[in-house]
Amino acid sequence: MSFDSEFKNISEWVSLGNSVSIETQYNGSCFVIANDESNMAVALVHKGDSLHSTLRRLDKGIKSYLDSGKTIDEING
């Protein structure tokens, strides 16, 4: 199975010119973030589960954002 077929929404997001990043903070926290031109659309805390599981959550979050326009922000509450 390819990344594009397993994570269709992430693939579409990036193909539209948007970005996805994985960031580690000084305290060891890890975040997965999807940004478009003007919004942090999805910001997830990587909670020690597998990266694959976090990417699955990101894929669902991007789908939700594309469908409704509502952002998801686990970092800032």
Protein backbone atom coordinates (compact mmCIF):
# COMPACT_ATOMS: atom_id res chain seq x y z
CA MET A 1 0.00 0.00 0.00
CA SER A 2 1.38 3.42 -0.93
CA PHE A 3 1.34 6.56 1.17
CA ASP A 4 -0.96 8.25 -1.37
CA SER A 5 -3.55 5.50 -1.17
CA GLU A 6 -3.42 5.11 2.61
CA PHE A 7 -3.40 8.83 3.42
CA LYS A 8 -5.50 10.26 0.60
CA ASN A 9 -6.40 13.48 2.39
CA ILE A 10 -2.79 14.29 3.35
CA SER A 11 -1.72 13.60 -0.24
CA GLU A 12 -4.47 15.84 -1.62
CA TRP A 13 -3.61 18.54 0.93
CA VAL A 14 0.05 18.63 -0.13
CA SER A 15 -0.81 18.46 -3.84
CA LEU A 16 -2.90 21.62 -3.35
CA GLY A 17 0.27 23.43 -2.20
CA ASN A 18 -0.41 23.22 1.53
CA SER A 19 2.09 21.96 4.09
CA VAL A 20 2.42 19.25 6.71
CA SER A 21 5.13 19.34 9.35
CA ILE A 22 6.31 17.26 12.27
CA GLU A 23 7.83 19.42 14.98
CA THR A 24 9.59 18.63 18.22
CA GLN A 25 9.67 21.20 21.01
CA TYR A 26 12.45 21.76 23.54
CA ASN A 27 10.50 19.83 26.19
CA GLY A 28 10.27 16.73 23.99
CA SER A 29 6.67 17.25 22.90
CA CYS A 30 5.98 16.35 19.29
CA PHE A 31 3.33 17.93 17.08
CA VAL A 32 1.96 17.18 13.62
CA ILE A 33 0.61 20.27 11.87
CA ALA A 34 -1.22 20.92 8.60
CA ASN A 35 -1.18 24.53 7.36
CA ASP A 36 -2.76 26.21 4.37
CA GLU A 37 -1.97 29.76 3.19
CA SER A 38 -3.67 31.45 6.11
CA ASN A 39 -4.60 28.87 8.75
CA MET A 40 -3.18 26.22 11.00
CA ALA A 41 -5.91 23.82 9.91
CA VAL A 42 -4.98 20.81 12.04
CA ALA A 43 -2.54 20.70 14.95
CA LEU A 44 -2.21 17.38 16.74
CA VAL A 45 -0.15 16.33 19.73
CA HIS A 46 1.76 13.13 19.02
CA LYS A 47 0.83 11.25 22.19
CA GLY A 48 3.40 8.48 22.13
CA ASP A 49 1.36 6.31 19.80
CA SER A 50 2.92 5.26 16.53
CA LEU A 51 3.64 7.89 13.89
CA HIS A 52 1.39 5.87 11.58
CA SER A 53 -1.49 6.27 14.04
CA THR A 54 -0.86 10.01 14.35
CA LEU A 55 -0.78 10.37 10.55
CA ARG A 56 -4.09 8.51 10.39
CA ARG A 57 -5.55 11.08 12.82
CA LEU A 58 -4.06 13.89 10.72
CA ASP A 59 -5.61 12.44 7.58
CA LYS A 60 -9.04 12.41 9.26
CA GLY A 61 -8.51 15.93 10.62
CA ILE A 62 -7.64 17.28 7.17
CA LYS A 63 -10.76 15.62 5.74
CA SER A 64 -12.85 17.26 8.45
CA TYR A 65 -11.27 20.66 7.77
CA LEU A 66 -11.84 20.34 4.02
CA ASP A 67 -15.47 19.36 4.58
CA SER A 68 -16.39 21.88 7.29
CA GLY A 69 -13.67 24.53 7.50
CA LYS A 70 -13.38 23.93 11.27
CA THR A 71 -9.85 23.82 12.63
CA ILE A 72 -8.55 21.25 15.10
CA ASP A 73 -6.02 22.50 17.65
CA GLU A 74 -4.79 20.09 20.32
CA ILE A 75 -1.73 22.25 21.03
CA ASN A 76 -3.40 25.43 22.23
CA GLY A 77 -6.55 23.82 23.51
